[in-house]
Amino acid sequence: MSATEKLRVPTSNRSIIKIVFVVLLLMVMFFMLPLYLQNRLNSLFETQHKLAQEVTFLQRDALLLELKINQLSSLENLSEFAEQAELDLNTVPVKVMLQGGRNE
């Protein structure tokens, strides 16, 4: 035998059909892979867009709540609420009982 061996060429119909089937399968996978990756990338970008939109709405809600808290905690609103609730926060406190426990 020589040092270089010849490749065995398939001669039966079954082996030729198997080779053709494998080659076709590899070609289909080769051409379908970029399409699959493109669709996957598009779905990821769509998910990213939805999440970014949701984050924006949540940040907007948080800012509106912070603004509402600032409005409610302002001194003008507190004094108006005190007047409406008749808390009389701006008047001098009145003694209910004299020191020593005696009422006069």
PDB file of N, CA and C in Angstrom:
ATOM      1  N   MET A   1       0.812  -1.182   0.000  1.00  0.00           N
ATOM      2  CA  MET A   1       0.000   0.000   0.000  1.00  0.00           C
ATOM      3  C   MET A   1       0.855   1.243   0.000  1.00  0.00           C
ATOM      4  N   SER A   2       0.358   2.248  -0.650  1.00  0.00           N
ATOM      5  CA  SER A   2       1.111   3.501  -0.700  1.00  0.00           C
ATOM      6  C   SER A   2       0.804   4.339   0.528  1.00  0.00           C
ATOM      7  N   ALA A   3       1.612   5.361   0.733  1.00  0.00           N
ATOM      8  CA  ALA A   3       1.455   6.213   1.907  1.00  0.00           C
ATOM      9  C   ALA A   3       0.185   7.061   1.809  1.00  0.00           C
ATOM     10  N   THR A   4      -0.230   7.382   0.633  1.00  0.00           N
ATOM     11  CA  THR A   4      -1.463   8.162   0.459  1.00  0.00           C
ATOM     12  C   THR A   4      -2.583   7.222   0.077  1.00  0.00           C
ATOM     13  N   GLU A   5      -3.607   7.266   0.888  1.00  0.00           N
ATOM     14  CA  GLU A   5      -4.751   6.424   0.589  1.00  0.00           C
ATOM     15  C   GLU A   5      -5.805   7.251  -0.111  1.00  0.00           C
ATOM     16  N   LYS A   6      -6.498   6.660  -1.009  1.00  0.00           N
ATOM     17  CA  LYS A   6      -7.552   7.356  -1.725  1.00  0.00           C
ATOM     18  C   LYS A   6      -8.808   7.393  -0.855  1.00  0.00           C
ATOM     19  N   LEU A   7      -9.588   8.468  -1.030  1.00  0.00           N
ATOM     20  CA  LEU A   7     -10.854   8.581  -0.314  1.00  0.00           C
ATOM     21  C   LEU A   7     -11.836   7.571  -0.861  1.00  0.00           C
ATOM     22  N   ARG A   8     -12.587   7.034   0.025  1.00  0.00           N
ATOM     23  CA  ARG A   8     -13.580   6.068  -0.389  1.00  0.00           C
ATOM     24  C   ARG A   8     -14.805   6.811  -0.918  1.00  0.00           C
ATOM     25  N   VAL A   9     -15.154   6.627  -2.134  1.00  0.00           N
ATOM     26  CA  VAL A   9     -16.308   7.282  -2.745  1.00  0.00           C
ATOM     27  C   VAL A   9     -17.523   6.381  -2.543  1.00  0.00           C
ATOM     28  N   PRO A  10     -18.610   6.966  -1.987  1.00  0.00           N
ATOM     29  CA  PRO A  10     -19.793   6.143  -1.775  1.00  0.00           C
ATOM     30  C   PRO A  10     -20.400   5.716  -3.115  1.00  0.00           C
ATOM     31  N   THR A  11     -20.747   4.489  -3.195  1.00  0.00           N
ATOM     32  CA  THR A  11     -21.298   3.976  -4.455  1.00  0.00           C
ATOM     33  C   THR A  11     -22.744   3.559  -4.314  1.00  0.00           C
ATOM     34  N   SER A  12     -23.240   3.327  -3.098  1.00  0.00           N
ATOM     35  CA  SER A  12     -24.630   2.893  -2.953  1.00  0.00           C
ATOM     36  C   SER A  12     -25.559   4.102  -2.917  1.00  0.00           C
ATOM     37  N   ASN A  13     -26.786   3.870  -3.269  1.00  0.00           N
ATOM     38  CA  ASN A  13     -27.779   4.952  -3.283  1.00  0.00           C
ATOM     39  C   ASN A  13     -28.062   5.472  -1.877  1.00  0.00           C
ATOM     40  N   ARG A  14     -28.069   4.616  -0.887  1.00  0.00           N
ATOM     41  CA  ARG A  14     -28.342   5.045   0.488  1.00  0.00           C
ATOM     42  C   ARG A  14     -27.277   6.013   0.988  1.00  0.00           C
ATOM     43  N   SER A  15     -26.061   5.722   0.772  1.00  0.00           N
ATOM     44  CA  SER A  15     -25.000   6.608   1.258  1.00  0.00           C
ATOM     45  C   SER A  15     -25.019   7.944   0.515  1.00  0.00           C
ATOM     46  N   ILE A  16     -25.331   7.946  -0.758  1.00  0.00           N
ATOM     47  CA  ILE A  16     -25.425   9.205  -1.521  1.00  0.00           C
ATOM     48  C   ILE A  16     -26.604  10.036  -1.009  1.00  0.00           C
ATOM     49  N   ILE A  17     -27.734   9.412  -0.739  1.00  0.00           N
ATOM     50  CA  ILE A  17     -28.910  10.129  -0.215  1.00  0.00           C
ATOM     51  C   ILE A  17     -28.588  10.703   1.166  1.00  0.00           C
ATOM     52  N   LYS A  18     -27.892   9.957   2.010  1.00  0.00           N
ATOM     53  CA  LYS A  18     -27.509  10.457   3.333  1.00  0.00           C
ATOM     54  C   LYS A  18     -26.613  11.682   3.213  1.00  0.00           C
ATOM     55  N   ILE A  19     -25.650  11.625   2.329  1.00  0.00           N
ATOM     56  CA  ILE A  19     -24.745  12.767   2.147  1.00  0.00           C
ATOM     57  C   ILE A  19     -25.502  13.979   1.639  1.00  0.00           C
ATOM     58  N   VAL A  20     -26.374  13.794   0.657  1.00  0.00           N
ATOM     59  CA  VAL A  20     -27.165  14.906   0.115  1.00  0.00           C
ATOM     60  C   VAL A  20     -28.066  15.474   1.199  1.00  0.00           C
ATOM     61  N   PHE A  21     -28.683  14.619   1.996  1.00  0.00           N
ATOM     62  CA  PHE A  21     -29.560  15.076   3.075  1.00  0.00           C
ATOM     63  C   PHE A  21     -28.789  15.900   4.098  1.00  0.00           C
ATOM     64  N   VAL A  22     -27.626  15.446   4.486  1.00  0.00           N
ATOM     65  CA  VAL A  22     -26.802  16.183   5.453  1.00  0.00           C
ATOM     66  C   VAL A  22     -26.368  17.523   4.879  1.00  0.00           C
ATOM     67  N   VAL A  23     -25.980  17.541   3.609  1.00  0.00           N
ATOM     68  CA  VAL A  23     -25.572  18.804   2.972  1.00  0.00           C
ATOM     69  C   VAL A  23     -26.746  19.767   2.903  1.00  0.00           C
ATOM     70  N   LEU A  24     -27.931  19.287   2.536  1.00  0.00           N
ATOM     71  CA  LEU A  24     -29.116  20.148   2.489  1.00  0.00           C
ATOM     72  C   LEU A  24     -29.473  20.672   3.870  1.00  0.00           C
ATOM     73  N   LEU A  25     -29.381  19.823   4.861  1.00  0.00           N
ATOM     74  CA  LEU A  25     -29.673  20.248   6.225  1.00  0.00           C
ATOM     75  C   LEU A  25     -28.700  21.339   6.680  1.00  0.00           C
ATOM     76  N   LEU A  26     -27.441  21.164   6.381  1.00  0.00           N
ATOM     77  CA  LEU A  26     -26.449  22.183   6.745  1.00  0.00           C
ATOM     78  C   LEU A  26     -26.693  23.491   6.003  1.00  0.00           C
ATOM     79  N   MET A  27     -27.100  23.415   4.736  1.00  0.00           N
ATOM     80  CA  MET A  27     -27.396  24.638   3.975  1.00  0.00           C
ATOM     81  C   MET A  27     -28.608  25.357   4.545  1.00  0.00           C
ATOM     82  N   VAL A  28     -29.635  24.612   4.894  1.00  0.00           N
ATOM     83  CA  VAL A  28     -30.826  25.229   5.488  1.00  0.00           C
ATOM     84  C   VAL A  28     -30.472  25.900   6.801  1.00  0.00           C
ATOM     85  N   MET A  29     -29.704  25.213   7.626  1.00  0.00           N
ATOM     86  CA  MET A  29     -29.291  25.816   8.894  1.00  0.00           C
ATOM     87  C   MET A  29     -28.433  27.049   8.662  1.00  0.00           C
ATOM     88  N   PHE A  30     -27.563  26.995   7.676  1.00  0.00           N
ATOM     89  CA  PHE A  30     -26.696  28.129   7.379  1.00  0.00           C
ATOM     90  C   PHE A  30     -27.504  29.351   6.945  1.00  0.00           C
ATOM     91  N   PHE A  31     -28.553  29.140   6.149  1.00  0.00           N
ATOM     92  CA  PHE A  31     -29.348  30.272   5.670  1.00  0.00           C
ATOM     93  C   PHE A  31     -30.409  30.716   6.676  1.00  0.00           C
ATOM     94  N   MET A  32     -30.828  29.842   7.579  1.00  0.00           N
ATOM     95  CA  MET A  32     -31.854  30.194   8.553  1.00  0.00           C
ATOM     96  C   MET A  32     -31.281  30.851   9.807  1.00  0.00           C
ATOM     97  N   LEU A  33     -30.053  30.588  10.113  1.00  0.00           N
ATOM     98  CA  LEU A  33     -29.449  31.135  11.321  1.00  0.00           C
ATOM     99  C   LEU A  33     -29.458  32.666  11.357  1.00  0.00           C
ATOM    100  N   PRO A  34     -29.069  33.376  10.303  1.00  0.00           N
ATOM    101  CA  PRO A  34     -29.124  34.841  10.369  1.00  0.00           C
ATOM    102  C   PRO A  34     -30.546  35.373  10.556  1.00  0.00           C
ATOM    103  N   LEU A  35     -31.521  34.708   9.935  1.00  0.00           N
ATOM    104  CA  LEU A  35     -32.909  35.132  10.091  1.00  0.00           C
ATOM    105  C   LEU A  35     -33.370  34.934  11.529  1.00  0.00           C
ATOM    106  N   TYR A  36     -33.016  33.802  12.117  1.00  0.00           N
ATOM    107  CA  TYR A  36     -33.364  33.548  13.516  1.00  0.00           C
ATOM    108  C   TYR A  36     -32.716  34.587  14.431  1.00  0.00           C
ATOM    109  N   LEU A  37     -31.449  34.867  14.206  1.00  0.00           N
ATOM    110  CA  LEU A  37     -30.741  35.841  15.044  1.00  0.00           C
ATOM    111  C   LEU A  37     -31.337  37.239  14.889  1.00  0.00           C
ATOM    112  N   GLN A  38     -31.734  37.591  13.670  1.00  0.00           N
ATOM    113  CA  GLN A  38     -32.362  38.897  13.431  1.00  0.00           C
ATOM    114  C   GLN A  38     -33.684  38.998  14.188  1.00  0.00           C
ATOM    115  N   ASN A  39     -34.503  37.952  14.132  1.00  0.00           N
ATOM    116  CA  ASN A  39     -35.777  37.962  14.850  1.00  0.00           C
ATOM    117  C   ASN A  39     -35.563  38.020  16.353  1.00  0.00           C
ATOM    118  N   ARG A  40     -34.587  37.307  16.833  1.00  0.00           N
ATOM    119  CA  ARG A  40     -34.295  37.322  18.266  1.00  0.00           C
ATOM    120  C   ARG A  40     -33.828  38.706  18.708  1.00  0.00           C
ATOM    121  N   LEU A  41     -32.995  39.330  17.906  1.00  0.00           N
ATOM    122  CA  LEU A  41     -32.517  40.672  18.217  1.00  0.00           C
ATOM    123  C   LEU A  41     -33.668  41.670  18.222  1.00  0.00           C
ATOM    124  N   ASN A  42     -34.578  41.558  17.266  1.00  0.00           N
ATOM    125  CA  ASN A  42     -35.736  42.452  17.219  1.00  0.00           C
ATOM    126  C   ASN A  42     -36.622  42.284  18.449  1.00  0.00           C
ATOM    127  N   SER A  43     -36.819  41.056  18.881  1.00  0.00           N
ATOM    128  CA  SER A  43     -37.652  40.843  20.074  1.00  0.00           C
ATOM    129  C   SER A  43     -36.967  41.405  21.317  1.00  0.00           C
ATOM    130  N   LEU A  44     -35.648  41.305  21.381  1.00  0.00           N
ATOM    131  CA  LEU A  44     -34.927  41.885  22.525  1.00  0.00           C
ATOM    132  C   LEU A  44     -35.021  43.408  22.528  1.00  0.00           C
ATOM    133  N   PHE A  45     -34.908  44.022  21.351  1.00  0.00           N
ATOM    134  CA  PHE A  45     -35.056  45.472  21.275  1.00  0.00           C
ATOM    135  C   PHE A  45     -36.469  45.905  21.644  1.00  0.00           C
ATOM    136  N   GLU A  46     -37.466  45.123  21.256  1.00  0.00           N
ATOM    137  CA  GLU A  46     -38.850  45.442  21.609  1.00  0.00           C
ATOM    138  C   GLU A  46     -39.059  45.363  23.116  1.00  0.00           C
ATOM    139  N   THR A  47     -38.489  44.345  23.731  1.00  0.00           N
ATOM    140  CA  THR A  47     -38.577  44.210  25.188  1.00  0.00           C
ATOM    141  C   THR A  47     -37.862  45.361  25.884  1.00  0.00           C
ATOM    142  N   GLN A  48     -36.714  45.741  25.360  1.00  0.00           N
ATOM    143  CA  GLN A  48     -35.971  46.863  25.934  1.00  0.00           C
ATOM    144  C   GLN A  48     -36.785  48.148  25.839  1.00  0.00           C
ATOM    145  N   HIS A  49     -37.440  48.367  24.715  1.00  0.00           N
ATOM    146  CA  HIS A  49     -38.246  49.574  24.532  1.00  0.00           C
ATOM    147  C   HIS A  49     -39.417  49.596  25.518  1.00  0.00           C
ATOM    148  N   LYS A  50     -40.092  48.459  25.691  1.00  0.00           N
ATOM    149  CA  LYS A  50     -41.213  48.401  26.626  1.00  0.00           C
ATOM    150  C   LYS A  50     -40.756  48.673  28.049  1.00  0.00           C
ATOM    151  N   LEU A  51     -39.617  48.083  28.441  1.00  0.00           N
ATOM    152  CA  LEU A  51     -39.112  48.298  29.793  1.00  0.00           C
ATOM    153  C   LEU A  51     -38.658  49.741  30.008  1.00  0.00           C
ATOM    154  N   ALA A  52     -38.049  50.334  28.996  1.00  0.00           N
ATOM    155  CA  ALA A  52     -37.630  51.741  29.107  1.00  0.00           C
ATOM    156  C   ALA A  52     -38.855  52.650  29.238  1.00  0.00           C
ATOM    157  N   GLN A  53     -39.907  52.326  28.508  1.00  0.00           N
ATOM    158  CA  GLN A  53     -41.140  53.108  28.601  1.00  0.00           C
ATOM    159  C   GLN A  53     -41.766  52.963  29.988  1.00  0.00           C
ATOM    160  N   GLU A  54     -41.752  51.756  30.521  1.00  0.00           N
ATOM    161  CA  GLU A  54     -42.295  51.531  31.858  1.00  0.00           C
ATOM    162  C   GLU A  54     -41.473  52.267  32.914  1.00  0.00           C
ATOM    163  N   VAL A  55     -40.153  52.262  32.772  1.00  0.00           N
ATOM    164  CA  VAL A  55     -39.289  52.996  33.708  1.00  0.00           C
ATOM    165  C   VAL A  55     -39.593  54.485  33.644  1.00  0.00           C
ATOM    166  N   THR A  56     -39.817  55.002  32.448  1.00  0.00           N
ATOM    167  CA  THR A  56     -40.130  56.420  32.299  1.00  0.00           C
ATOM    168  C   THR A  56     -41.443  56.763  32.999  1.00  0.00           C
ATOM    169  N   PHE A  57     -42.455  55.924  32.828  1.00  0.00           N
ATOM    170  CA  PHE A  57     -43.738  56.173  33.491  1.00  0.00           C
ATOM    171  C   PHE A  57     -43.602  56.090  35.012  1.00  0.00           C
ATOM    172  N   LEU A  58     -42.813  55.135  35.499  1.00  0.00           N
ATOM    173  CA  LEU A  58     -42.627  55.011  36.944  1.00  0.00           C
ATOM    174  C   LEU A  58     -41.861  56.206  37.516  1.00  0.00           C
ATOM    175  N   GLN A  59     -40.858  56.691  36.774  1.00  0.00           N
ATOM    176  CA  GLN A  59     -40.136  57.885  37.220  1.00  0.00           C
ATOM    177  C   GLN A  59     -41.056  59.095  37.240  1.00  0.00           C
ATOM    178  N   ARG A  60     -41.934  59.180  36.242  1.00  0.00           N
ATOM    179  CA  ARG A  60     -42.904  60.286  36.195  1.00  0.00           C
ATOM    180  C   ARG A  60     -43.836  60.222  37.397  1.00  0.00           C
ATOM    181  N   ASP A  61     -44.334  59.029  37.723  1.00  0.00           N
ATOM    182  CA  ASP A  61     -45.211  58.872  38.880  1.00  0.00           C
ATOM    183  C   ASP A  61     -44.486  59.235  40.174  1.00  0.00           C
ATOM    184  N   ALA A  62     -43.220  58.831  40.284  1.00  0.00           N
ATOM    185  CA  ALA A  62     -42.446  59.159  41.485  1.00  0.00           C
ATOM    186  C   ALA A  62     -42.254  60.668  41.613  1.00  0.00           C
ATOM    187  N   LEU A  63     -41.983  61.336  40.501  1.00  0.00           N
ATOM    188  CA  LEU A  63     -41.823  62.801  40.549  1.00  0.00           C
ATOM    189  C   LEU A  63     -43.135  63.489  40.906  1.00  0.00           C
ATOM    190  N   LEU A  64     -44.252  62.995  40.382  1.00  0.00           N
ATOM    191  CA  LEU A  64     -45.550  63.580  40.729  1.00  0.00           C
ATOM    192  C   LEU A  64     -45.855  63.390  42.208  1.00  0.00           C
ATOM    193  N   LEU A  65     -45.535  62.221  42.755  1.00  0.00           N
ATOM    194  CA  LEU A  65     -45.753  61.992  44.182  1.00  0.00           C
ATOM    195  C   LEU A  65     -44.847  62.878  45.035  1.00  0.00           C
ATOM    196  N   GLU A  66     -43.615  63.062  44.598  1.00  0.00           N
ATOM    197  CA  GLU A  66     -42.703  63.942  45.333  1.00  0.00           C
ATOM    198  C   GLU A  66     -43.190  65.387  45.306  1.00  0.00           C
ATOM    199  N   LEU A  67     -43.705  65.806  44.153  1.00  0.00           N
ATOM    200  CA  LEU A  67     -44.265  67.157  44.051  1.00  0.00           C
ATOM    201  C   LEU A  67     -45.469  67.307  44.964  1.00  0.00           C
ATOM    202  N   LYS A  68     -46.323  66.294  45.011  1.00  0.00           N
ATOM    203  CA  LYS A  68     -47.501  66.334  45.878  1.00  0.00           C
ATOM    204  C   LYS A  68     -47.078  66.395  47.340  1.00  0.00           C
ATOM    205  N   ILE A  69     -46.057  65.633  47.718  1.00  0.00           N
ATOM    206  CA  ILE A  69     -45.550  65.668  49.099  1.00  0.00           C
ATOM    207  C   ILE A  69     -45.010  67.054  49.426  1.00  0.00           C
ATOM    208  N   ASN A  70     -44.263  67.639  48.502  1.00  0.00           N
ATOM    209  CA  ASN A  70     -43.719  68.980  48.737  1.00  0.00           C
ATOM    210  C   ASN A  70     -44.824  70.020  48.862  1.00  0.00           C
ATOM    211  N   GLN A  71     -45.865  69.868  48.051  1.00  0.00           N
ATOM    212  CA  GLN A  71     -46.986  70.814  48.146  1.00  0.00           C
ATOM    213  C   GLN A  71     -47.711  70.664  49.475  1.00  0.00           C
ATOM    214  N   LEU A  72     -47.924  69.426  49.885  1.00  0.00           N
ATOM    215  CA  LEU A  72     -48.659  69.195  51.127  1.00  0.00           C
ATOM    216  C   LEU A  72     -47.855  69.590  52.355  1.00  0.00           C
ATOM    217  N   SER A  73     -46.541  69.512  52.270  1.00  0.00           N
ATOM    218  CA  SER A  73     -45.722  69.835  53.440  1.00  0.00           C
ATOM    219  C   SER A  73     -45.292  71.299  53.471  1.00  0.00           C
ATOM    220  N   SER A  74     -45.749  72.109  52.535  1.00  0.00           N
ATOM    221  CA  SER A  74     -45.383  73.524  52.575  1.00  0.00           C
ATOM    222  C   SER A  74     -46.084  74.200  53.757  1.00  0.00           C
ATOM    223  N   LEU A  75     -45.470  75.252  54.261  1.00  0.00           N
ATOM    224  CA  LEU A  75     -46.013  75.927  55.449  1.00  0.00           C
ATOM    225  C   LEU A  75     -47.383  76.536  55.188  1.00  0.00           C
ATOM    226  N   GLU A  76     -47.605  77.045  53.981  1.00  0.00           N
ATOM    227  CA  GLU A  76     -48.901  77.645  53.674  1.00  0.00           C
ATOM    228  C   GLU A  76     -50.012  76.599  53.751  1.00  0.00           C
ATOM    229  N   ASN A  77     -49.774  75.448  53.170  1.00  0.00           N
ATOM    230  CA  ASN A  77     -50.788  74.401  53.214  1.00  0.00           C
ATOM    231  C   ASN A  77     -51.005  73.896  54.629  1.00  0.00           C
ATOM    232  N   LEU A  78     -49.916  73.805  55.410  1.00  0.00           N
ATOM    233  CA  LEU A  78     -50.067  73.359  56.789  1.00  0.00           C
ATOM    234  C   LEU A  78     -50.859  74.369  57.616  1.00  0.00           C
ATOM    235  N   SER A  79     -50.595  75.636  57.393  1.00  0.00           N
ATOM    236  CA  SER A  79     -51.349  76.649  58.153  1.00  0.00           C
ATOM    237  C   SER A  79     -52.808  76.701  57.703  1.00  0.00           C
ATOM    238  N   GLU A  80     -53.060  76.521  56.400  1.00  0.00           N
ATOM    239  CA  GLU A  80     -54.449  76.480  55.925  1.00  0.00           C
ATOM    240  C   GLU A  80     -55.177  75.270  56.501  1.00  0.00           C
ATOM    241  N   PHE A  81     -54.509  74.139  56.558  1.00  0.00           N
ATOM    242  CA  PHE A  81     -55.125  72.940  57.131  1.00  0.00           C
ATOM    243  C   PHE A  81     -55.393  73.150  58.621  1.00  0.00           C
ATOM    244  N   ALA A  82     -54.463  73.797  59.314  1.00  0.00           N
ATOM    245  CA  ALA A  82     -54.647  74.046  60.744  1.00  0.00           C
ATOM    246  C   ALA A  82     -55.853  74.947  60.976  1.00  0.00           C
ATOM    247  N   GLU A  83     -56.047  75.935  60.118  1.00  0.00           N
ATOM    248  CA  GLU A  83     -57.218  76.807  60.259  1.00  0.00           C
ATOM    249  C   GLU A  83     -58.509  76.053  59.962  1.00  0.00           C
ATOM    250  N   GLN A  84     -58.488  75.216  58.937  1.00  0.00           N
ATOM    251  CA  GLN A  84     -59.693  74.444  58.601  1.00  0.00           C
ATOM    252  C   GLN A  84     -60.038  73.444  59.704  1.00  0.00           C
ATOM    253  N   ALA A  85     -59.041  72.834  60.301  1.00  0.00           N
ATOM    254  CA  ALA A  85     -59.274  71.855  61.357  1.00  0.00           C
ATOM    255  C   ALA A  85     -59.401  72.508  62.723  1.00  0.00           C
ATOM    256  N   GLU A  86     -59.323  73.819  62.778  1.00  0.00           N
ATOM    257  CA  GLU A  86     -59.421  74.619  64.002  1.00  0.00           C
ATOM    258  C   GLU A  86     -58.416  74.166  65.053  1.00  0.00           C
ATOM    259  N   LEU A  87     -57.191  74.008  64.608  1.00  0.00           N
ATOM    260  CA  LEU A  87     -56.137  73.610  65.536  1.00  0.00           C
ATOM    261  C   LEU A  87     -55.523  74.813  66.252  1.00  0.00           C
ATOM    262  N   ASP A  88     -55.703  75.996  65.720  1.00  0.00           N
ATOM    263  CA  ASP A  88     -55.182  77.243  66.306  1.00  0.00           C
ATOM    264  C   ASP A  88     -53.704  77.126  66.670  1.00  0.00           C
ATOM    265  N   LEU A  89     -52.901  76.789  65.678  1.00  0.00           N
ATOM    266  CA  LEU A  89     -51.473  76.634  65.925  1.00  0.00           C
ATOM    267  C   LEU A  89     -50.767  77.972  66.121  1.00  0.00           C
ATOM    268  N   ASN A  90     -51.367  79.068  65.679  1.00  0.00           N
ATOM    269  CA  ASN A  90     -50.709  80.364  65.767  1.00  0.00           C
ATOM    270  C   ASN A  90     -51.091  81.134  67.029  1.00  0.00           C
ATOM    271  N   THR A  91     -51.948  80.562  67.875  1.00  0.00           N
ATOM    272  CA  THR A  91     -52.347  81.269  69.095  1.00  0.00           C
ATOM    273  C   THR A  91     -51.492  80.800  70.257  1.00  0.00           C
ATOM    274  N   VAL A  92     -51.520  81.584  71.337  1.00  0.00           N
ATOM    275  CA  VAL A  92     -50.764  81.258  72.542  1.00  0.00           C
ATOM    276  C   VAL A  92     -51.506  80.140  73.275  1.00  0.00           C
ATOM    277  N   PRO A  93     -50.804  79.151  73.763  1.00  0.00           N
ATOM    278  CA  PRO A  93     -51.489  78.066  74.461  1.00  0.00           C
ATOM    279  C   PRO A  93     -52.147  78.555  75.757  1.00  0.00           C
ATOM    280  N   VAL A  94     -53.271  77.962  76.069  1.00  0.00           N
ATOM    281  CA  VAL A  94     -54.034  78.338  77.268  1.00  0.00           C
ATOM    282  C   VAL A  94     -53.791  77.281  78.336  1.00  0.00           C
ATOM    283  N   LYS A  95     -53.553  77.744  79.559  1.00  0.00           N
ATOM    284  CA  LYS A  95     -53.343  76.799  80.646  1.00  0.00           C
ATOM    285  C   LYS A  95     -54.688  76.197  81.033  1.00  0.00           C
ATOM    286  N   VAL A  96     -54.680  74.902  81.161  1.00  0.00           N
ATOM    287  CA  VAL A  96     -55.905  74.227  81.548  1.00  0.00           C
ATOM    288  C   VAL A  96     -55.992  74.172  83.060  1.00  0.00           C
ATOM    289  N   MET A  97     -54.886  73.951  83.715  1.00  0.00           N
ATOM    290  CA  MET A  97     -54.869  73.846  85.164  1.00  0.00           C
ATOM    291  C   MET A  97     -53.647  74.606  85.680  1.00  0.00           C
ATOM    292  N   LEU A  98     -53.850  75.323  86.741  1.00  0.00           N
ATOM    293  CA  LEU A  98     -52.731  76.043  87.342  1.00  0.00           C
ATOM    294  C   LEU A  98     -51.758  75.069  87.957  1.00  0.00           C
ATOM    295  N   GLN A  99     -50.561  75.574  88.211  1.00  0.00           N
ATOM    296  CA  GLN A  99     -49.559  74.740  88.835  1.00  0.00           C
ATOM    297  C   GLN A  99     -49.960  74.443  90.266  1.00  0.00           C
ATOM    298  N   GLY A 100     -49.667  73.286  90.704  1.00  0.00           N
ATOM    299  CA  GLY A 100     -50.009  72.908  92.069  1.00  0.00           C
ATOM    300  C   GLY A 100     -51.293  72.104  92.115  1.00  0.00           C
ATOM    301  N   GLY A 101     -52.014  71.990  91.049  1.00  0.00           N
ATOM    302  CA  GLY A 101     -53.179  71.137  90.997  1.00  0.00           C
ATOM    303  C   GLY A 101     -54.457  71.804  91.434  1.00  0.00           C
ATOM    304  N   ARG A 102     -54.466  73.121  91.664  1.00  0.00           N
ATOM    305  CA  ARG A 102     -55.699  73.786  92.083  1.00  0.00           C
ATOM    306  C   ARG A 102     -56.333  74.506  90.910  1.00  0.00           C
ATOM    307  N   ASN A 103     -57.642  74.455  90.822  1.00  0.00           N
ATOM    308  CA  ASN A 103     -58.366  75.235  89.805  1.00  0.00           C
ATOM    309  C   ASN A 103     -58.908  76.475  90.463  1.00  0.00           C
ATOM    310  N   GLU A 104     -58.697  77.617  89.896  1.00  0.00           N
ATOM    311  CA  GLU A 104     -59.227  78.850  90.478  1.00  0.00           C
ATOM    312  C   GLU A 104     -60.046  79.572  89.456  1.00  0.00           C
TER     313      GLU A 104
END
